[in-house]
């Protein structure tokens, strides 16, 4: 049984120390039934739509996402295949996952195609959870890696590549210091209020994987 010790939010970021709560109006897109394993791209499109870009998950996946088959002989040659490709098909229940770098490259390709020069995706992986609140205060939601149902993750290995299961990617949209909650746009569960301590624990455990658009 997972036991999380409750404690108060300590916001040590430059901006978030002065703000008690915020919740950005990120549009919700449900991944079922069309993208049963495409949570990473759905979350990315939710963030893109928040910034006003006219793109759908179908367009994003079909035109910009790098994917690779389970049976591709190149898989074993990568230090971590999930940094290079989405493994499988996000439209299939048998699809797997990818890491932030894959989604970031897809956004970069999209921005290049539409000649977007004022914004770019920024890899925040490794950032302390509290510092992500600064992004929110400045109007920037953050795509973060967690787990389906917010359960304790299990580490695995696929042809030498580390992963965590059941992997799930959501959009961090806000926080409330008084209630000790964070707000999440979840393509499976909808809009979620999650205990800060649990959100931070899961974010840390799966490797502090995240990115935003600046």
N, C-alpha and C. Protein backbone atom coordinates (compact mmCIF):
# COMPACT_ATOMS: atom_id res chain seq x y z
N UNK A 1 0.84 -1.20 0.00
CA UNK A 1 0.00 0.00 0.00
C UNK A 1 0.87 1.24 0.00
N UNK A 2 0.56 2.18 -0.87
CA UNK A 2 1.33 3.41 -0.97
C UNK A 2 0.92 4.37 0.14
N UNK A 3 1.89 4.82 0.93
CA UNK A 3 1.62 5.77 1.99
C UNK A 3 2.42 7.03 1.71
N UNK A 4 1.74 8.16 1.60
CA UNK A 4 2.39 9.43 1.33
C UNK A 4 2.25 10.32 2.54
N UNK A 5 3.35 10.83 3.06
CA UNK A 5 3.31 11.74 4.19
C UNK A 5 2.84 13.11 3.72
N UNK A 6 1.82 13.65 4.38
CA UNK A 6 1.29 14.95 4.02
C UNK A 6 2.18 16.06 4.57
N UNK A 7 2.44 17.08 3.78
CA UNK A 7 3.16 18.24 4.26
C UNK A 7 2.81 19.43 3.41
N UNK A 8 3.06 20.60 3.90
CA UNK A 8 2.64 21.81 3.22
C UNK A 8 3.48 22.06 1.98
N UNK A 9 2.86 22.72 1.01
CA UNK A 9 3.58 23.11 -0.19
C UNK A 9 4.63 24.16 0.18
N UNK A 10 5.84 23.94 -0.25
CA UNK A 10 6.89 24.93 -0.06
C UNK A 10 7.26 25.46 -1.43
N UNK A 11 6.73 26.61 -1.78
CA UNK A 11 6.97 27.19 -3.10
C UNK A 11 8.22 28.06 -3.04
N UNK A 12 9.29 27.60 -3.62
CA UNK A 12 10.54 28.34 -3.53
C UNK A 12 10.88 29.05 -4.83
N UNK A 13 9.94 29.04 -5.79
CA UNK A 13 10.17 29.73 -7.04
C UNK A 13 10.06 31.23 -6.87
N UNK A 14 10.61 31.95 -7.81
CA UNK A 14 10.65 33.41 -7.74
C UNK A 14 9.26 34.02 -7.73
N UNK A 15 8.33 33.48 -8.53
CA UNK A 15 7.00 34.06 -8.64
C UNK A 15 5.99 33.36 -7.73
N UNK A 16 6.06 32.03 -7.62
CA UNK A 16 5.02 31.29 -6.93
C UNK A 16 5.01 31.53 -5.43
N UNK A 17 6.08 32.06 -4.86
CA UNK A 17 6.09 32.35 -3.43
C UNK A 17 5.10 33.47 -3.08
N UNK A 18 4.69 34.25 -4.08
CA UNK A 18 3.78 35.37 -3.82
C UNK A 18 2.34 35.06 -4.23
N UNK A 19 2.07 33.89 -4.75
CA UNK A 19 0.74 33.55 -5.26
C UNK A 19 0.21 32.32 -4.52
N UNK A 20 -1.02 32.39 -4.04
CA UNK A 20 -1.59 31.29 -3.28
C UNK A 20 -2.25 30.23 -4.15
N UNK A 21 -2.81 30.64 -5.28
CA UNK A 21 -3.49 29.67 -6.13
C UNK A 21 -3.61 30.19 -7.55
N UNK A 22 -3.68 29.25 -8.47
CA UNK A 22 -3.91 29.56 -9.88
C UNK A 22 -4.38 28.28 -10.56
N UNK A 23 -5.19 28.43 -11.59
CA UNK A 23 -5.60 27.26 -12.38
C UNK A 23 -5.84 27.73 -13.81
N UNK A 24 -4.93 27.38 -14.72
CA UNK A 24 -5.01 27.81 -16.11
C UNK A 24 -6.11 27.04 -16.84
N UNK A 25 -6.76 27.72 -17.76
CA UNK A 25 -7.90 27.17 -18.49
C UNK A 25 -7.43 26.35 -19.70
N UNK A 26 -6.87 25.20 -19.41
CA UNK A 26 -6.37 24.31 -20.47
C UNK A 26 -7.52 23.45 -20.98
N UNK A 27 -7.74 23.39 -22.29
CA UNK A 27 -8.85 22.59 -22.83
C UNK A 27 -8.61 21.09 -22.60
N UNK A 28 -9.68 20.39 -22.29
CA UNK A 28 -9.62 18.95 -22.04
C UNK A 28 -9.96 18.18 -23.31
N UNK A 29 -9.10 17.23 -23.67
CA UNK A 29 -9.36 16.32 -24.78
C UNK A 29 -9.25 14.90 -24.23
N UNK A 30 -10.31 14.13 -24.38
CA UNK A 30 -10.27 12.74 -23.91
C UNK A 30 -9.57 11.86 -24.95
N UNK A 31 -8.68 11.00 -24.48
CA UNK A 31 -7.90 10.18 -25.41
C UNK A 31 -8.68 8.97 -25.93
N UNK A 32 -9.71 8.55 -25.21
CA UNK A 32 -10.53 7.43 -25.66
C UNK A 32 -11.72 7.96 -26.46
N UNK A 33 -12.12 7.23 -27.52
CA UNK A 33 -11.61 5.93 -27.94
C UNK A 33 -10.51 5.99 -28.99
N UNK A 34 -10.18 7.17 -29.48
CA UNK A 34 -9.32 7.25 -30.65
C UNK A 34 -7.84 7.05 -30.37
N UNK A 35 -7.39 7.43 -29.17
CA UNK A 35 -5.95 7.39 -28.87
C UNK A 35 -5.71 6.70 -27.53
N UNK A 36 -6.01 5.40 -27.44
CA UNK A 36 -5.96 4.72 -26.15
C UNK A 36 -4.60 4.73 -25.48
N UNK A 37 -3.52 4.86 -26.26
CA UNK A 37 -2.19 4.93 -25.67
C UNK A 37 -1.46 6.21 -26.09
N UNK A 38 -2.22 7.20 -26.52
CA UNK A 38 -1.61 8.43 -27.04
C UNK A 38 -1.66 9.59 -26.08
N UNK A 39 -1.58 9.32 -24.77
CA UNK A 39 -1.73 10.39 -23.78
C UNK A 39 -0.67 11.48 -23.92
N UNK A 40 0.55 11.12 -24.31
CA UNK A 40 1.61 12.12 -24.45
C UNK A 40 1.24 13.17 -25.50
N UNK A 41 0.77 12.69 -26.65
CA UNK A 41 0.43 13.62 -27.73
C UNK A 41 -0.86 14.38 -27.44
N UNK A 42 -1.81 13.72 -26.79
CA UNK A 42 -3.05 14.41 -26.43
C UNK A 42 -2.75 15.53 -25.45
N UNK A 43 -1.91 15.26 -24.44
CA UNK A 43 -1.53 16.30 -23.48
C UNK A 43 -0.80 17.45 -24.18
N UNK A 44 0.06 17.11 -25.12
CA UNK A 44 0.80 18.14 -25.86
C UNK A 44 -0.16 19.02 -26.66
N UNK A 45 -1.13 18.40 -27.31
CA UNK A 45 -2.11 19.16 -28.09
C UNK A 45 -2.98 20.01 -27.17
N UNK A 46 -3.33 19.50 -26.00
CA UNK A 46 -4.07 20.33 -25.04
C UNK A 46 -3.30 21.61 -24.72
N UNK A 47 -1.99 21.46 -24.51
CA UNK A 47 -1.18 22.64 -24.24
C UNK A 47 -1.10 23.55 -25.46
N UNK A 48 -0.93 22.99 -26.64
CA UNK A 48 -0.89 23.80 -27.85
C UNK A 48 -2.19 24.56 -28.06
N UNK A 49 -3.30 23.90 -27.84
CA UNK A 49 -4.59 24.57 -27.99
C UNK A 49 -4.76 25.67 -26.96
N UNK A 50 -4.26 25.46 -25.75
CA UNK A 50 -4.31 26.51 -24.73
C UNK A 50 -3.63 27.78 -25.23
N UNK A 51 -2.52 27.63 -25.95
CA UNK A 51 -1.80 28.78 -26.49
C UNK A 51 -2.41 29.31 -27.79
N UNK A 52 -3.49 28.69 -28.24
CA UNK A 52 -4.21 29.22 -29.38
C UNK A 52 -3.91 28.57 -30.71
N UNK A 53 -3.14 27.49 -30.72
CA UNK A 53 -2.81 26.83 -31.99
C UNK A 53 -3.95 25.92 -32.43
N UNK A 54 -4.25 25.98 -33.70
CA UNK A 54 -5.36 25.23 -34.28
C UNK A 54 -4.85 23.89 -34.80
N UNK A 55 -4.78 22.92 -33.90
CA UNK A 55 -4.28 21.60 -34.26
C UNK A 55 -5.02 20.56 -33.43
N UNK A 56 -5.25 19.39 -34.02
CA UNK A 56 -5.93 18.30 -33.33
C UNK A 56 -4.95 17.17 -33.05
N UNK A 57 -5.29 16.26 -32.14
CA UNK A 57 -4.42 15.10 -31.91
C UNK A 57 -4.17 14.29 -33.18
N UNK A 58 -5.20 14.15 -34.02
CA UNK A 58 -5.02 13.41 -35.29
C UNK A 58 -3.93 14.05 -36.13
N UNK A 59 -4.01 15.35 -36.31
CA UNK A 59 -3.02 16.07 -37.12
C UNK A 59 -1.63 15.97 -36.51
N UNK A 60 -1.56 16.12 -35.21
CA UNK A 60 -0.27 16.10 -34.53
C UNK A 60 0.39 14.73 -34.67
N UNK A 61 -0.36 13.67 -34.41
CA UNK A 61 0.19 12.32 -34.47
C UNK A 61 0.55 11.94 -35.90
N UNK A 62 -0.33 12.23 -36.84
CA UNK A 62 -0.11 11.81 -38.23
C UNK A 62 1.05 12.55 -38.89
N UNK A 63 1.24 13.82 -38.55
CA UNK A 63 2.19 14.65 -39.30
C UNK A 63 3.51 14.94 -38.59
N UNK A 64 3.55 14.77 -37.27
CA UNK A 64 4.73 15.25 -36.56
C UNK A 64 5.35 14.25 -35.57
N UNK A 65 4.59 13.29 -35.10
CA UNK A 65 5.10 12.36 -34.09
C UNK A 65 5.94 11.25 -34.72
N UNK A 66 7.15 11.05 -34.20
CA UNK A 66 8.01 9.97 -34.66
C UNK A 66 7.64 8.68 -33.93
N UNK A 67 7.28 7.66 -34.69
CA UNK A 67 6.90 6.37 -34.10
C UNK A 67 7.78 5.26 -34.66
N UNK A 68 7.81 4.16 -33.92
CA UNK A 68 8.59 3.01 -34.35
C UNK A 68 7.87 1.73 -33.94
N UNK A 69 7.95 0.72 -34.78
CA UNK A 69 7.31 -0.56 -34.50
C UNK A 69 8.08 -1.33 -33.43
N UNK A 70 7.35 -2.14 -32.66
CA UNK A 70 7.99 -3.02 -31.68
C UNK A 70 9.03 -3.93 -32.33
N UNK A 71 8.79 -4.29 -33.57
CA UNK A 71 9.62 -5.27 -34.25
C UNK A 71 10.80 -4.67 -35.00
N UNK A 72 10.97 -3.36 -34.93
CA UNK A 72 12.06 -2.71 -35.65
C UNK A 72 13.40 -3.13 -35.08
N UNK A 73 14.30 -3.57 -35.93
CA UNK A 73 15.60 -4.10 -35.49
C UNK A 73 16.50 -3.04 -34.88
N UNK A 74 16.18 -1.76 -35.08
CA UNK A 74 17.01 -0.69 -34.54
C UNK A 74 16.81 -0.44 -33.05
N UNK A 75 15.74 -0.95 -32.48
CA UNK A 75 15.36 -0.60 -31.12
C UNK A 75 16.49 -0.84 -30.12
N UNK A 76 17.16 -1.97 -30.22
CA UNK A 76 18.20 -2.31 -29.26
C UNK A 76 19.45 -1.44 -29.35
N UNK A 77 19.57 -0.65 -30.41
CA UNK A 77 20.77 0.17 -30.59
C UNK A 77 20.67 1.52 -29.89
N UNK A 78 19.51 1.86 -29.36
CA UNK A 78 19.32 3.16 -28.70
C UNK A 78 19.61 3.05 -27.21
N UNK A 79 20.20 4.13 -26.67
CA UNK A 79 20.41 4.17 -25.22
C UNK A 79 19.07 4.10 -24.51
N UNK A 80 18.09 4.84 -25.02
CA UNK A 80 16.72 4.71 -24.56
C UNK A 80 15.80 5.02 -25.73
N UNK A 81 15.15 3.98 -26.23
CA UNK A 81 14.32 4.12 -27.41
C UNK A 81 13.18 5.12 -27.19
N UNK A 82 12.74 5.27 -25.93
CA UNK A 82 11.62 6.16 -25.63
C UNK A 82 12.01 7.63 -25.71
N UNK A 83 13.31 7.90 -25.79
CA UNK A 83 13.78 9.27 -26.04
C UNK A 83 13.77 9.61 -27.52
N UNK A 84 13.70 8.59 -28.35
CA UNK A 84 13.80 8.80 -29.80
C UNK A 84 12.47 8.63 -30.53
N UNK A 85 11.63 7.74 -30.03
CA UNK A 85 10.38 7.43 -30.72
C UNK A 85 9.27 7.13 -29.73
N UNK A 86 8.03 7.29 -30.20
CA UNK A 86 6.91 6.64 -29.54
C UNK A 86 6.92 5.20 -30.03
N UNK A 87 6.95 4.27 -29.12
CA UNK A 87 7.03 2.85 -29.50
C UNK A 87 5.62 2.31 -29.69
N UNK A 88 5.35 1.81 -30.89
CA UNK A 88 4.03 1.30 -31.21
C UNK A 88 3.16 2.35 -31.88
N UNK A 89 1.86 2.15 -31.79
CA UNK A 89 0.88 3.03 -32.43
C UNK A 89 -0.02 3.64 -31.35
N UNK A 90 -0.02 4.97 -31.20
CA UNK A 90 -0.85 5.58 -30.16
C UNK A 90 -2.35 5.40 -30.38
N UNK A 91 -2.73 4.95 -31.57
CA UNK A 91 -4.14 4.68 -31.83
C UNK A 91 -4.52 3.23 -31.47
N UNK A 92 -3.55 2.46 -31.01
CA UNK A 92 -3.78 1.07 -30.68
C UNK A 92 -3.68 0.85 -29.17
N UNK A 93 -4.46 -0.09 -28.66
CA UNK A 93 -4.35 -0.44 -27.24
C UNK A 93 -3.01 -1.09 -26.96
N UNK A 94 -2.33 -1.53 -28.00
CA UNK A 94 -1.01 -2.15 -27.85
C UNK A 94 0.13 -1.17 -27.96
N UNK A 95 -0.20 0.14 -28.14
CA UNK A 95 0.87 1.14 -28.18
C UNK A 95 1.54 1.25 -26.82
N UNK A 96 2.71 1.91 -26.80
CA UNK A 96 3.43 1.97 -25.55
C UNK A 96 3.57 3.40 -25.04
N UNK A 97 4.68 4.06 -25.31
CA UNK A 97 4.92 5.37 -24.69
C UNK A 97 6.09 6.05 -25.36
N UNK A 98 6.36 7.29 -24.92
CA UNK A 98 7.56 8.02 -25.31
C UNK A 98 7.91 8.99 -24.20
N UNK A 99 9.11 9.55 -24.26
CA UNK A 99 9.59 10.53 -23.30
C UNK A 99 9.45 11.95 -23.87
N UNK A 100 9.69 12.99 -23.06
CA UNK A 100 9.46 14.36 -23.52
C UNK A 100 10.16 14.74 -24.81
N UNK A 101 11.37 14.24 -25.03
CA UNK A 101 12.12 14.65 -26.22
C UNK A 101 11.37 14.35 -27.51
N UNK A 102 10.59 13.27 -27.53
CA UNK A 102 9.83 12.92 -28.73
C UNK A 102 8.73 13.94 -28.99
N UNK A 103 8.02 14.31 -27.94
CA UNK A 103 6.97 15.31 -28.07
C UNK A 103 7.55 16.68 -28.42
N UNK A 104 8.68 17.01 -27.83
CA UNK A 104 9.33 18.29 -28.11
C UNK A 104 9.72 18.38 -29.58
N UNK A 105 10.31 17.32 -30.13
CA UNK A 105 10.68 17.33 -31.55
C UNK A 105 9.44 17.48 -32.44
N UNK A 106 8.35 16.84 -32.04
CA UNK A 106 7.12 16.95 -32.82
C UNK A 106 6.61 18.39 -32.81
N UNK A 107 6.66 19.06 -31.65
CA UNK A 107 6.24 20.46 -31.57
C UNK A 107 7.17 21.33 -32.42
N UNK A 108 8.46 21.05 -32.36
CA UNK A 108 9.42 21.81 -33.16
C UNK A 108 9.12 21.68 -34.65
N UNK A 109 8.77 20.49 -35.10
CA UNK A 109 8.44 20.29 -36.51
C UNK A 109 7.16 21.05 -36.88
N UNK A 110 6.20 21.02 -35.98
CA UNK A 110 4.96 21.76 -36.21
C UNK A 110 5.21 23.26 -36.26
N UNK A 111 5.99 23.77 -35.31
CA UNK A 111 6.29 25.21 -35.30
C UNK A 111 7.06 25.63 -36.54
N UNK A 112 7.97 24.77 -36.99
CA UNK A 112 8.72 25.08 -38.21
C UNK A 112 7.79 25.16 -39.41
N UNK A 113 6.82 24.26 -39.47
CA UNK A 113 5.91 24.23 -40.61
C UNK A 113 5.01 25.46 -40.64
N UNK A 114 4.59 25.95 -39.47
CA UNK A 114 3.69 27.11 -39.45
C UNK A 114 4.46 28.43 -39.28
N UNK A 115 5.80 28.33 -39.32
CA UNK A 115 6.66 29.52 -39.20
C UNK A 115 6.48 30.26 -37.87
N UNK A 116 6.31 29.49 -36.80
CA UNK A 116 6.23 30.07 -35.47
C UNK A 116 7.64 30.37 -34.96
N UNK A 117 7.94 31.64 -34.75
CA UNK A 117 9.29 32.03 -34.32
C UNK A 117 9.28 32.69 -32.94
N UNK A 118 8.11 32.92 -32.37
CA UNK A 118 8.03 33.60 -31.09
C UNK A 118 7.96 32.65 -29.91
N UNK A 119 7.62 31.41 -30.17
CA UNK A 119 7.54 30.42 -29.10
C UNK A 119 8.30 29.16 -29.50
N UNK A 120 8.70 28.40 -28.47
CA UNK A 120 9.37 27.13 -28.71
C UNK A 120 9.16 26.21 -27.50
N UNK A 121 9.19 24.90 -27.71
CA UNK A 121 9.08 23.98 -26.58
C UNK A 121 10.37 23.98 -25.77
N UNK A 122 10.23 23.86 -24.46
CA UNK A 122 11.39 23.89 -23.56
C UNK A 122 11.35 22.65 -22.67
N UNK A 123 12.41 21.87 -22.71
CA UNK A 123 12.51 20.68 -21.88
C UNK A 123 12.85 21.09 -20.45
N UNK A 124 11.94 20.82 -19.53
CA UNK A 124 12.14 21.15 -18.11
C UNK A 124 12.46 19.91 -17.29
N UNK A 125 12.74 18.81 -17.95
CA UNK A 125 12.99 17.55 -17.24
C UNK A 125 14.11 17.73 -16.22
N UNK A 126 13.87 17.18 -15.02
CA UNK A 126 14.83 17.32 -13.94
C UNK A 126 14.52 18.46 -13.00
N UNK A 127 13.57 19.32 -13.39
CA UNK A 127 13.22 20.48 -12.56
C UNK A 127 12.48 20.05 -11.30
N UNK A 128 12.84 20.67 -10.17
CA UNK A 128 12.11 20.43 -8.93
C UNK A 128 10.63 20.76 -9.14
N UNK A 129 9.77 19.93 -8.58
CA UNK A 129 8.33 20.09 -8.80
C UNK A 129 7.85 21.50 -8.43
N UNK A 130 8.36 22.06 -7.33
CA UNK A 130 7.93 23.38 -6.89
C UNK A 130 8.23 24.47 -7.91
N UNK A 131 9.33 24.32 -8.63
CA UNK A 131 9.69 25.34 -9.61
C UNK A 131 8.77 25.34 -10.82
N UNK A 132 8.03 24.24 -11.03
CA UNK A 132 7.06 24.22 -12.13
C UNK A 132 5.94 25.21 -11.88
N UNK A 133 5.71 25.55 -10.61
CA UNK A 133 4.65 26.51 -10.30
C UNK A 133 4.96 27.89 -10.89
N UNK A 134 6.23 28.23 -11.02
CA UNK A 134 6.60 29.50 -11.65
C UNK A 134 6.12 29.56 -13.09
N UNK A 135 6.20 28.42 -13.79
CA UNK A 135 5.71 28.38 -15.17
C UNK A 135 4.21 28.68 -15.19
N UNK A 136 3.47 28.10 -14.25
CA UNK A 136 2.03 28.31 -14.19
C UNK A 136 1.70 29.77 -13.93
N UNK A 137 2.42 30.38 -12.99
CA UNK A 137 2.18 31.78 -12.65
C UNK A 137 2.38 32.68 -13.86
N UNK A 138 3.30 32.29 -14.72
CA UNK A 138 3.58 33.08 -15.93
C UNK A 138 2.71 32.66 -17.12
N UNK A 139 1.67 31.87 -16.82
CA UNK A 139 0.69 31.53 -17.85
C UNK A 139 1.08 30.37 -18.73
N UNK A 140 2.00 29.53 -18.23
CA UNK A 140 2.46 28.41 -19.05
C UNK A 140 2.16 27.08 -18.37
N UNK A 141 1.19 26.30 -18.87
CA UNK A 141 0.97 24.96 -18.33
C UNK A 141 2.17 24.08 -18.63
N UNK A 142 2.28 22.97 -17.91
CA UNK A 142 3.43 22.08 -18.06
C UNK A 142 2.93 20.65 -18.31
N UNK A 143 3.42 20.02 -19.36
CA UNK A 143 3.12 18.62 -19.63
C UNK A 143 4.07 17.78 -18.77
N UNK A 144 3.48 16.92 -17.92
CA UNK A 144 4.30 16.12 -17.00
C UNK A 144 3.94 14.65 -17.12
N UNK A 145 4.93 13.82 -16.82
CA UNK A 145 4.76 12.37 -16.85
C UNK A 145 4.44 11.87 -15.45
N UNK A 146 3.39 11.04 -15.33
CA UNK A 146 2.97 10.48 -14.05
C UNK A 146 2.56 9.02 -14.28
N UNK A 147 1.45 8.58 -13.68
CA UNK A 147 0.96 7.22 -13.90
C UNK A 147 -0.56 7.24 -14.06
N UNK A 148 -1.07 6.25 -14.74
CA UNK A 148 -2.52 6.09 -14.90
C UNK A 148 -3.14 5.85 -13.54
N UNK A 149 -4.16 6.62 -13.22
CA UNK A 149 -4.84 6.45 -11.95
C UNK A 149 -4.03 6.91 -10.75
N UNK A 150 -2.86 7.48 -11.01
CA UNK A 150 -1.98 8.00 -9.96
C UNK A 150 -1.57 6.90 -8.97
N UNK A 151 -1.31 5.72 -9.53
CA UNK A 151 -0.85 4.59 -8.73
C UNK A 151 0.68 4.58 -8.67
N UNK A 152 1.21 3.82 -7.74
CA UNK A 152 2.66 3.71 -7.61
C UNK A 152 3.25 3.07 -8.87
N UNK A 153 4.26 3.69 -9.48
CA UNK A 153 4.83 3.13 -10.72
C UNK A 153 5.74 1.95 -10.47
N UNK A 154 5.86 1.13 -11.50
CA UNK A 154 6.79 0.01 -11.51
C UNK A 154 7.81 0.23 -12.60
N UNK A 155 9.07 0.07 -12.29
CA UNK A 155 10.13 0.26 -13.28
C UNK A 155 10.29 -1.00 -14.12
N UNK A 156 10.52 -0.80 -15.42
CA UNK A 156 10.73 -1.92 -16.31
C UNK A 156 11.87 -1.65 -17.29
N UNK A 157 12.17 -2.66 -18.10
CA UNK A 157 13.24 -2.55 -19.09
C UNK A 157 12.74 -3.15 -20.39
N UNK A 158 12.92 -2.40 -21.48
CA UNK A 158 12.53 -2.87 -22.81
C UNK A 158 13.74 -2.76 -23.72
N UNK A 159 14.35 -3.88 -24.02
CA UNK A 159 15.53 -3.91 -24.89
C UNK A 159 16.61 -2.93 -24.43
N UNK A 160 16.80 -2.86 -23.11
CA UNK A 160 17.82 -1.99 -22.56
C UNK A 160 17.36 -0.57 -22.28
N UNK A 161 16.09 -0.26 -22.55
CA UNK A 161 15.55 1.08 -22.32
C UNK A 161 14.66 1.07 -21.07
N UNK A 162 14.94 1.98 -20.14
CA UNK A 162 14.16 2.08 -18.92
C UNK A 162 12.80 2.72 -19.19
N UNK A 163 11.79 2.24 -18.49
CA UNK A 163 10.48 2.87 -18.55
C UNK A 163 9.76 2.62 -17.22
N UNK A 164 8.67 3.35 -17.01
CA UNK A 164 7.83 3.15 -15.83
C UNK A 164 6.41 2.88 -16.28
N UNK A 165 5.74 1.99 -15.58
CA UNK A 165 4.38 1.60 -15.92
C UNK A 165 3.50 1.64 -14.67
N UNK A 166 2.21 1.95 -14.80
CA UNK A 166 1.49 2.33 -16.01
C UNK A 166 1.70 3.82 -16.32
N UNK A 167 2.47 4.09 -17.35
CA UNK A 167 2.83 5.47 -17.69
C UNK A 167 1.62 6.28 -18.15
N UNK A 168 1.59 7.53 -17.73
CA UNK A 168 0.52 8.44 -18.17
C UNK A 168 1.08 9.85 -18.19
N UNK A 169 0.67 10.63 -19.17
CA UNK A 169 1.12 12.01 -19.32
C UNK A 169 -0.09 12.94 -19.22
N UNK A 170 0.05 13.98 -18.41
CA UNK A 170 -1.05 14.91 -18.15
C UNK A 170 -0.52 16.34 -18.24
N UNK A 171 -1.41 17.31 -18.08
CA UNK A 171 -1.01 18.71 -18.08
C UNK A 171 -1.22 19.29 -16.68
N UNK A 172 -0.14 19.78 -16.10
CA UNK A 172 -0.22 20.48 -14.82
C UNK A 172 -0.74 21.89 -15.10
N UNK A 173 -1.88 22.24 -14.51
CA UNK A 173 -2.52 23.52 -14.84
C UNK A 173 -2.56 24.50 -13.67
N UNK A 174 -2.35 24.03 -12.43
CA UNK A 174 -2.44 24.97 -11.32
C UNK A 174 -2.15 24.35 -9.98
N UNK A 175 -2.30 25.16 -8.94
CA UNK A 175 -2.08 24.72 -7.56
C UNK A 175 -2.87 25.60 -6.61
N UNK A 176 -3.07 25.09 -5.40
CA UNK A 176 -3.73 25.85 -4.34
C UNK A 176 -3.01 25.56 -3.03
N UNK A 177 -2.35 26.55 -2.48
CA UNK A 177 -1.57 26.35 -1.26
C UNK A 177 -2.45 26.08 -0.05
N UNK A 178 -3.63 26.68 -0.02
CA UNK A 178 -4.50 26.52 1.14
C UNK A 178 -5.05 25.11 1.27
N UNK A 179 -5.39 24.50 0.13
CA UNK A 179 -5.93 23.14 0.15
C UNK A 179 -4.87 22.07 -0.06
N UNK A 180 -3.66 22.50 -0.37
CA UNK A 180 -2.56 21.57 -0.63
C UNK A 180 -2.85 20.66 -1.82
N UNK A 181 -3.46 21.24 -2.85
CA UNK A 181 -3.82 20.50 -4.05
C UNK A 181 -3.10 21.07 -5.27
N UNK A 182 -2.92 20.22 -6.28
CA UNK A 182 -2.52 20.69 -7.60
C UNK A 182 -3.63 20.34 -8.57
N UNK A 183 -3.72 21.10 -9.65
CA UNK A 183 -4.77 20.90 -10.63
C UNK A 183 -4.17 20.30 -11.90
N UNK A 184 -4.86 19.31 -12.43
CA UNK A 184 -4.34 18.55 -13.56
C UNK A 184 -5.43 18.35 -14.60
N UNK A 185 -5.05 18.50 -15.86
CA UNK A 185 -5.91 18.18 -17.00
C UNK A 185 -5.50 16.79 -17.48
N UNK A 186 -6.36 15.81 -17.24
CA UNK A 186 -6.05 14.39 -17.45
C UNK A 186 -6.94 13.85 -18.56
N UNK A 187 -6.34 13.36 -19.64
CA UNK A 187 -7.10 12.91 -20.81
C UNK A 187 -7.90 11.63 -20.56
N UNK A 188 -7.73 11.01 -19.39
CA UNK A 188 -8.54 9.85 -19.03
C UNK A 188 -9.59 10.24 -17.99
N UNK A 189 -9.18 10.93 -16.93
CA UNK A 189 -10.06 11.23 -15.81
C UNK A 189 -10.74 12.59 -15.89
N UNK A 190 -10.28 13.47 -16.77
CA UNK A 190 -10.84 14.80 -16.85
C UNK A 190 -10.04 15.78 -16.01
N UNK A 191 -10.71 16.79 -15.48
CA UNK A 191 -10.03 17.76 -14.62
C UNK A 191 -9.93 17.17 -13.21
N UNK A 192 -8.71 17.15 -12.67
CA UNK A 192 -8.44 16.45 -11.41
C UNK A 192 -7.79 17.39 -10.41
N UNK A 193 -8.21 17.28 -9.15
CA UNK A 193 -7.50 17.89 -8.04
C UNK A 193 -6.74 16.78 -7.33
N UNK A 194 -5.43 16.91 -7.24
CA UNK A 194 -4.59 15.86 -6.68
C UNK A 194 -3.80 16.40 -5.50
N UNK A 195 -3.67 15.60 -4.45
CA UNK A 195 -2.84 16.02 -3.31
C UNK A 195 -1.44 16.34 -3.80
N UNK A 196 -0.95 17.47 -3.35
CA UNK A 196 0.39 17.92 -3.75
C UNK A 196 1.44 16.85 -3.49
N UNK A 197 1.41 16.24 -2.31
CA UNK A 197 2.45 15.28 -1.95
C UNK A 197 2.45 14.07 -2.88
N UNK A 198 1.26 13.60 -3.28
CA UNK A 198 1.19 12.47 -4.20
C UNK A 198 1.67 12.86 -5.58
N UNK A 199 1.25 14.04 -6.06
CA UNK A 199 1.69 14.50 -7.38
C UNK A 199 3.20 14.63 -7.44
N UNK A 200 3.78 15.23 -6.42
CA UNK A 200 5.24 15.40 -6.38
C UNK A 200 5.94 14.05 -6.32
N UNK A 201 5.42 13.14 -5.51
CA UNK A 201 6.03 11.81 -5.39
C UNK A 201 6.05 11.08 -6.74
N UNK A 202 4.92 11.09 -7.43
CA UNK A 202 4.86 10.39 -8.72
C UNK A 202 5.76 11.05 -9.76
N UNK A 203 5.72 12.36 -9.80
CA UNK A 203 6.58 13.12 -10.72
C UNK A 203 8.05 12.79 -10.48
N UNK A 204 8.46 12.77 -9.23
CA UNK A 204 9.85 12.46 -8.89
C UNK A 204 10.20 11.02 -9.23
N UNK A 205 9.29 10.09 -8.91
CA UNK A 205 9.59 8.66 -9.05
C UNK A 205 9.77 8.26 -10.50
N UNK A 206 8.98 8.82 -11.41
CA UNK A 206 9.11 8.43 -12.82
C UNK A 206 10.19 9.22 -13.56
N UNK A 207 10.92 10.08 -12.83
CA UNK A 207 12.10 10.69 -13.43
C UNK A 207 12.02 12.17 -13.72
N UNK A 208 11.04 12.88 -13.12
CA UNK A 208 10.92 14.33 -13.33
C UNK A 208 10.92 14.69 -14.82
N UNK A 209 10.02 14.09 -15.56
CA UNK A 209 9.93 14.30 -17.00
C UNK A 209 8.84 15.33 -17.30
N UNK A 210 9.19 16.39 -18.02
CA UNK A 210 8.20 17.42 -18.32
C UNK A 210 8.73 18.40 -19.35
N UNK A 211 7.81 19.18 -19.93
CA UNK A 211 8.20 20.28 -20.81
C UNK A 211 7.07 21.27 -20.91
N UNK A 212 7.38 22.46 -21.39
CA UNK A 212 6.39 23.49 -21.59
C UNK A 212 6.68 24.23 -22.89
N UNK A 213 5.93 25.29 -23.15
CA UNK A 213 6.17 26.15 -24.30
C UNK A 213 6.38 27.56 -23.80
N UNK A 214 7.46 28.19 -24.24
CA UNK A 214 7.74 29.57 -23.86
C UNK A 214 7.81 30.45 -25.10
